[in-house]
Protein backbone atom coordinates (compact mmCIF):
# COMPACT_ATOMS: atom_id res chain seq x y z
CA UNK A 1 90.16 -82.76 198.20
CA UNK A 2 89.61 -79.57 199.82
CA UNK A 3 87.12 -77.77 202.23
CA UNK A 4 86.12 -74.33 201.77
CA UNK A 5 83.41 -72.22 203.44
CA UNK A 6 82.56 -69.02 202.07
CA UNK A 7 81.49 -65.98 204.43
CA UNK A 8 79.18 -64.36 205.01
CA UNK A 9 76.65 -66.68 205.39
CA UNK A 10 74.22 -64.94 203.10
CA UNK A 11 71.70 -67.55 201.06
CA UNK A 12 70.84 -65.14 198.15
CA UNK A 13 74.43 -64.69 197.14
CA UNK A 14 74.75 -68.44 197.53
CA UNK A 15 72.22 -69.38 195.31
CA UNK A 16 73.46 -66.68 192.93
CA UNK A 17 76.82 -68.22 193.11
CA UNK A 18 75.69 -71.63 192.39
CA UNK A 19 73.40 -70.76 189.60
CA UNK A 20 70.03 -72.34 188.72
CA UNK A 21 70.06 -76.07 188.96
CA UNK A 22 73.79 -75.63 189.94
CA UNK A 23 74.68 -74.65 186.78
CA UNK A 24 77.62 -72.50 187.51
CA UNK A 25 79.24 -75.26 189.72
CA UNK A 26 78.44 -77.82 186.78
CA UNK A 27 80.40 -75.12 184.50
CA UNK A 28 83.17 -75.06 186.75
CA UNK A 29 83.45 -78.99 187.17
CA UNK A 30 83.30 -79.14 183.39
CA UNK A 31 86.24 -76.95 182.69
CA UNK A 32 88.50 -77.57 185.56
CA UNK A 33 88.00 -81.07 185.61
CA UNK A 34 86.74 -81.38 189.24
CA UNK A 35 83.62 -82.31 191.76
CA UNK A 36 82.12 -79.86 193.53
CA UNK A 37 79.98 -81.17 196.78
CA UNK A 38 77.91 -78.13 198.50
CA UNK A 39 76.31 -78.08 202.23
CA UNK A 40 74.95 -74.80 203.08
CA UNK A 41 77.94 -72.60 202.47
CA UNK A 42 80.74 -75.16 202.97
CA UNK A 43 82.41 -76.95 199.65
CA UNK A 44 84.20 -79.86 199.09
CA UNK A 45 86.40 -80.17 195.87
CA UNK A 46 87.75 -82.99 194.51
CA UNK A 47 90.45 -83.50 191.85
CA UNK A 48 94.04 -83.17 191.02
CA UNK A 49 95.74 -80.87 193.43
CA UNK A 50 96.44 -77.85 191.20
CA UNK A 51 92.66 -77.86 189.57
CA UNK A 52 91.38 -78.02 193.26
CA UNK A 53 93.50 -75.08 194.52
CA UNK A 54 92.25 -73.33 191.28
CA UNK A 55 88.47 -74.22 191.72
CA UNK A 56 88.46 -73.05 195.49
CA UNK A 57 90.26 -69.59 194.50
CA UNK A 58 87.63 -69.47 191.66
CA UNK A 59 84.77 -70.19 194.15
CA UNK A 60 85.80 -67.53 196.65
CA UNK A 61 86.50 -64.75 193.61
CA UNK A 62 82.89 -65.36 192.25
CA UNK A 63 81.32 -65.52 195.91
CA UNK A 64 82.94 -61.88 196.12
CA UNK A 65 81.32 -61.07 193.06
CA UNK A 66 77.73 -61.90 194.35
CA UNK A 67 77.92 -58.76 196.83
CA UNK A 68 77.44 -56.55 194.14
CA UNK A 69 76.63 -58.36 190.76
CA UNK A 70 74.10 -61.08 189.34
CA UNK A 71 76.28 -64.11 187.93
CA UNK A 72 75.82 -65.18 184.32
CA UNK A 73 77.27 -68.36 182.81
CA UNK A 74 79.19 -65.39 180.66
CA UNK A 75 80.55 -64.06 183.92
CA UNK A 76 81.42 -67.64 185.27
CA UNK A 77 83.26 -68.61 181.83
CA UNK A 78 85.11 -65.25 181.71
CA UNK A 79 86.51 -65.75 185.27
CA UNK A 80 87.72 -69.59 184.05
CA UNK A 81 89.53 -67.62 181.15
CA UNK A 82 92.01 -66.04 183.66
CA UNK A 83 95.81 -66.67 182.33
CA UNK A 84 96.65 -68.33 185.37
CA UNK A 85 93.78 -71.00 185.41
CA UNK A 86 94.12 -71.63 181.81
CA UNK A 87 97.78 -72.72 182.41
CA UNK A 88 96.54 -75.10 185.22
CA UNK A 89 94.20 -76.51 182.34
CA UNK A 90 97.06 -76.99 179.99
CA UNK A 91 99.22 -78.68 182.61
CA UNK A 92 96.47 -81.02 183.68
CA UNK A 93 95.56 -81.87 179.81
CA UNK A 94 99.28 -82.83 179.25
CA UNK A 95 99.28 -85.10 182.63
CA UNK A 96 96.54 -87.17 181.48
CA UNK A 97 97.29 -87.32 177.90
CA UNK A 98 98.80 -91.05 178.63
CA UNK A 99 95.66 -92.39 180.70
CA UNK A 100 93.05 -94.61 179.42
CA UNK A 101 89.62 -93.23 179.15
CA UNK A 102 86.46 -95.15 179.52
CA UNK A 103 82.70 -94.20 180.13
CA UNK A 104 80.35 -95.60 182.62
CA UNK A 105 76.72 -95.82 181.78
CA UNK A 106 73.68 -97.33 183.38
CA UNK A 107 73.88 -100.52 181.28
CA UNK A 108 77.65 -100.32 179.79
CA UNK A 109 80.99 -99.74 180.37
CA UNK A 110 82.64 -98.29 177.29
CA UNK A 111 86.28 -97.67 175.99
CA UNK A 112 87.62 -96.35 173.25
CA UNK A 113 89.31 -99.06 170.99
CA UNK A 114 92.41 -98.09 169.63
CA UNK A 115 94.47 -94.89 170.00
CA UNK A 116 92.08 -93.14 167.87
CA UNK A 117 89.11 -93.72 169.74
CA UNK A 118 90.70 -93.04 172.82
CA UNK A 119 91.87 -89.51 171.67
CA UNK A 120 88.27 -88.79 170.39
CA UNK A 121 86.78 -89.63 173.85
CA UNK A 122 89.52 -87.38 175.48
CA UNK A 123 89.04 -84.47 173.17
CA UNK A 124 85.03 -84.40 173.54
CA UNK A 125 85.56 -83.86 177.48
CA UNK A 126 88.20 -81.36 176.65
CA UNK A 127 86.51 -79.08 174.01
CA UNK A 128 83.26 -77.25 173.38
CA UNK A 129 83.13 -78.66 169.67
CA UNK A 130 84.18 -81.63 168.46
CA UNK A 131 84.51 -83.07 164.87
CA UNK A 132 84.77 -86.68 164.46
CA UNK A 133 84.79 -87.54 160.59
CA UNK A 134 85.35 -90.94 158.94
CA UNK A 135 83.61 -93.77 157.50
CA UNK A 136 80.62 -96.07 158.61
CA UNK A 137 81.80 -98.19 161.74
CA UNK A 138 84.62 -96.20 163.22
CA UNK A 139 82.17 -95.68 166.28
CA UNK A 140 82.48 -91.90 165.79
CA UNK A 141 78.52 -91.76 166.52
CA UNK A 142 78.34 -94.15 169.40
CA UNK A 143 80.88 -92.58 171.37
CA UNK A 144 79.43 -89.41 170.89
CA UNK A 145 76.28 -90.53 172.47
CA UNK A 146 78.07 -92.25 175.10
CA UNK A 147 79.67 -88.87 176.41
CA UNK A 148 76.42 -87.26 176.18
CA UNK A 149 74.68 -89.83 178.37
CA UNK A 150 77.77 -89.76 180.97
CA UNK A 151 77.63 -85.55 180.84
CA UNK A 152 73.42 -85.88 181.39
CA UNK A 153 73.92 -88.73 184.38
CA UNK A 154 76.78 -86.98 185.98
CA UNK A 155 74.46 -83.34 185.57
CA UNK A 156 77.32 -81.50 183.53
CA UNK A 157 74.23 -80.93 181.17
CA UNK A 158 70.86 -80.47 181.60
CA UNK A 159 69.08 -82.27 178.20
CA UNK A 160 70.73 -83.96 175.06
CA UNK A 161 69.78 -82.75 171.49
CA UNK A 162 70.09 -85.02 168.43
CA UNK A 163 70.30 -83.27 165.35
CA UNK A 164 70.14 -84.66 161.89
CA UNK A 165 70.11 -82.76 158.65
CA UNK A 166 66.99 -84.18 156.58
CA UNK A 167 68.58 -85.29 153.45
CA UNK A 168 68.62 -89.34 152.84
CA UNK A 169 70.51 -91.51 150.64
CA UNK A 170 68.16 -92.48 147.73
CA UNK A 171 64.95 -91.48 149.08
CA UNK A 172 62.44 -88.67 149.81
CA UNK A 173 61.18 -87.60 153.11
CA UNK A 174 57.72 -87.12 151.57
CA UNK A 175 57.16 -90.89 150.78
CA UNK A 176 57.61 -91.76 154.35
CA UNK A 177 54.26 -92.44 156.39
CA UNK A 178 53.39 -90.01 159.29
CA UNK A 179 54.45 -86.53 160.74
CA UNK A 180 57.69 -84.89 160.82
CA UNK A 181 58.77 -86.52 163.79
CA UNK A 182 58.10 -89.72 162.75
CA UNK A 183 59.48 -89.18 159.15
CA UNK A 184 63.04 -87.99 160.64
CA UNK A 185 62.83 -90.95 163.07
CA UNK A 186 64.38 -93.63 160.68
CA UNK A 187 67.29 -91.30 159.87
CA UNK A 188 68.10 -90.99 164.01
CA UNK A 189 67.99 -94.77 164.14
CA UNK A 190 71.84 -95.24 165.03
CA UNK A 191 71.49 -92.38 167.96
CA UNK A 192 68.28 -93.85 169.09
CA UNK A 193 69.98 -97.69 169.39
CA UNK A 194 72.96 -96.30 171.11
CA UNK A 195 70.89 -94.57 173.34
CA UNK A 196 68.68 -97.79 174.03
CA UNK A 197 71.69 -99.63 174.94
CA UNK A 198 73.27 -97.50 177.18
CA UNK A 199 70.14 -96.33 179.19
CA UNK A 200 67.06 -98.86 178.55
CA UNK A 201 64.27 -98.50 176.12
CA UNK A 202 61.74 -97.26 178.96
CA UNK A 203 64.36 -94.47 180.41
CA UNK A 204 64.95 -93.12 177.09
CA UNK A 205 61.26 -92.98 176.07
CA UNK A 206 60.49 -91.12 179.72
CA UNK A 207 63.40 -88.77 178.91
CA UNK A 208 62.06 -88.00 175.19
CA UNK A 209 58.92 -87.34 176.74
CA UNK A 210 60.20 -84.81 179.09
CA UNK A 211 62.36 -83.15 176.50
CA UNK A 212 65.48 -84.00 178.16
CA UNK A 213 66.46 -86.06 175.37
CA UNK A 214 65.42 -83.90 172.29
CA UNK A 215 65.06 -85.04 168.49
CA UNK A 216 64.91 -82.25 166.14
CA UNK A 217 65.83 -81.59 162.17
CA UNK A 218 68.60 -79.34 161.82
CA UNK A 219 66.28 -76.37 160.51
CA UNK A 220 64.10 -76.40 163.73
CA UNK A 221 67.91 -75.12 164.98
CA UNK A 222 67.81 -71.84 163.79
CA UNK A 223 67.51 -69.03 166.18
CA UNK A 224 67.77 -70.94 169.01
CA UNK A 225 70.47 -70.57 171.33
CA UNK A 226 71.42 -73.98 173.12
CA UNK A 227 72.83 -73.62 177.11
CA UNK A 228 73.86 -76.50 179.18
CA UNK A 229 73.12 -79.06 176.54
CA UNK A 230 75.03 -82.01 174.90
CA UNK A 231 74.25 -81.52 171.15
CA UNK A 232 75.20 -84.27 168.39
CA UNK A 233 74.82 -83.46 164.82
CA UNK A 234 74.92 -86.66 162.99
CA UNK A 235 75.81 -86.99 159.24
CA UNK A 236 76.82 -83.96 158.99
CA UNK A 237 78.25 -84.36 155.25
CA UNK A 238 74.91 -83.79 154.43
CA UNK A 239 74.34 -79.91 155.78
CA UNK A 240 75.11 -77.09 153.17
CA UNK A 241 77.91 -74.71 153.99
CA UNK A 242 74.69 -71.98 155.51
CA UNK A 243 73.63 -75.16 157.86
CA UNK A 244 76.53 -75.90 159.89
CA UNK A 245 77.61 -72.29 160.46
CA UNK A 246 74.04 -72.09 161.51
CA UNK A 247 74.14 -74.90 164.11
CA UNK A 248 77.95 -74.22 165.07
CA UNK A 249 76.74 -70.79 166.36
CA UNK A 250 73.55 -71.89 168.01
CA UNK A 251 76.06 -73.35 171.15
CA UNK A 252 75.95 -71.78 173.99
CA UNK A 253 77.52 -71.56 177.69
CA UNK A 254 77.82 -74.93 179.17
CA UNK A 255 77.18 -76.93 175.83
CA UNK A 256 79.59 -79.23 174.30
CA UNK A 257 78.69 -80.01 170.19
CA UNK A 258 80.42 -83.30 168.53
CA UNK A 259 79.85 -83.30 164.89
CA UNK A 260 79.95 -86.37 163.17
CA UNK A 261 80.26 -87.51 159.37
CA UNK A 262 81.83 -89.18 156.56
CA UNK A 263 82.82 -86.77 153.52
CA UNK A 264 82.68 -89.93 151.26
CA UNK A 265 79.16 -90.32 151.91
CA UNK A 266 77.69 -87.04 150.71
CA UNK A 267 73.75 -87.13 149.56
CA UNK A 268 73.48 -83.74 148.61
CA UNK A 269 72.57 -82.56 145.06
CA UNK A 270 76.03 -82.27 143.60
CA UNK A 271 75.74 -78.26 143.00
CA UNK A 272 75.63 -77.70 146.78
CA UNK A 273 78.90 -77.64 148.86
CA UNK A 274 78.97 -79.96 152.04
CA UNK A 275 79.10 -77.60 155.30
CA UNK A 276 81.15 -80.37 156.93
CA UNK A 277 83.96 -80.36 153.85
CA UNK A 278 84.27 -76.37 154.19
CA UNK A 279 84.15 -76.58 157.95
CA UNK A 280 87.37 -78.91 158.16
CA UNK A 281 89.35 -75.70 156.22
CA UNK A 282 87.71 -72.93 157.76
CA UNK A 283 88.05 -73.91 161.39
CA UNK A 284 91.42 -75.85 161.65
CA UNK A 285 93.41 -74.13 164.34
CA UNK A 286 90.51 -72.45 166.31
CA UNK A 287 90.78 -72.82 169.88
CA UNK A 288 88.48 -74.76 172.02
CA UNK A 289 87.64 -77.11 168.39
CA UNK A 290 88.82 -80.49 167.91
CA UNK A 291 89.10 -82.86 164.97
CA UNK A 292 89.54 -86.55 165.13
CA UNK A 293 89.67 -88.36 161.48
CA UNK A 294 89.23 -91.74 161.52
CA UNK A 295 90.37 -94.23 158.80
CA UNK A 296 88.97 -98.02 157.88
CA UNK A 297 92.05 -99.09 160.63
CA UNK A 298 89.32 -97.76 162.93
CA UNK A 299 86.16 -99.52 161.91
CA UNK A 300 85.08 -101.92 164.82
CA UNK A 301 82.24 -103.63 163.03
CA UNK A 302 82.44 -107.17 161.49
CA UNK A 303 85.85 -107.40 159.80
CA UNK A 304 84.01 -107.78 156.27
CA UNK A 305 83.06 -104.16 156.74
CA UNK A 306 86.62 -102.82 157.18
CA UNK A 307 87.60 -104.51 154.22
CA UNK A 308 84.64 -103.17 152.08
CA UNK A 309 85.73 -99.50 153.44
CA UNK A 310 89.56 -100.28 152.59
CA UNK A 311 88.31 -101.74 148.75
CA UNK A 312 86.48 -98.60 148.10
CA UNK A 313 89.21 -96.25 149.12
CA UNK A 314 91.69 -98.05 147.01
CA UNK A 315 89.09 -97.53 144.16
CA UNK A 316 88.41 -94.01 144.98
CA UNK A 317 92.25 -93.17 144.78
CA UNK A 318 92.57 -95.21 141.63
CA UNK A 319 89.72 -93.36 139.88
CA UNK A 320 90.84 -90.19 140.83
CA UNK A 321 94.35 -90.19 138.97
């Protein structure tokens, strides 16, 4: 831990540095994996030694800028892109590669089962955009919700946005009763179930009322920029190529996105190419984006589910040749 006091004492400059609702501090915490606690013009920074030193230097640099500029999330982001800072972050990632990751929510302690789930959690904590691709029951959606809940509880983000394309297996939305929100609801059930388990039913309902947790069909994302949010796009295999590009370009500063899907369960008309299938080729090797591929071995449901997935895999391989 290191203490730092910023001079001169100027409340306007301090507010400029910290950002609205301390958003700039949260941005630094998320990127450098430190905790920043402030009291007046004094800050205590906790974390590993190299990142604490980097965070303190960054705070002083940004405070100096407040003398003449109004800080934006973009400027904070650019300051953190400094080559020496990036080197420290890489070093930290290498040091923590072998540590077990677990997530503490109000109602549960969630661990990744097996190396693939562990790596998935680590990637989500380090990257802005993450893809979890694989069969049902591998925990890809559940673990994404756990990361979202943790980010909300630790104030790294201000809201959670759950998104799903309005395409469904063998049904048409028009046959379902209710308004649009109720029609989308059944397809978001896995996301809701995970939220209820981690936060409790009443808390989730209150957060939805306050729009801290927002549920939206993919079409509603057009034209928006999502800052300080944790966004989960579920069932992404049912997005078109245009839809997934539109979604990925909505992501703003201080946000994390997780895209989950199963490329063997595409419900789109055959003429349309799945956006998820294409994006896995297009974005390979792009910095800031992670990919985790799950297989039948990672299935954490009833053992018979794992055997069903493996049987289908074997059948598909046999009939492709």
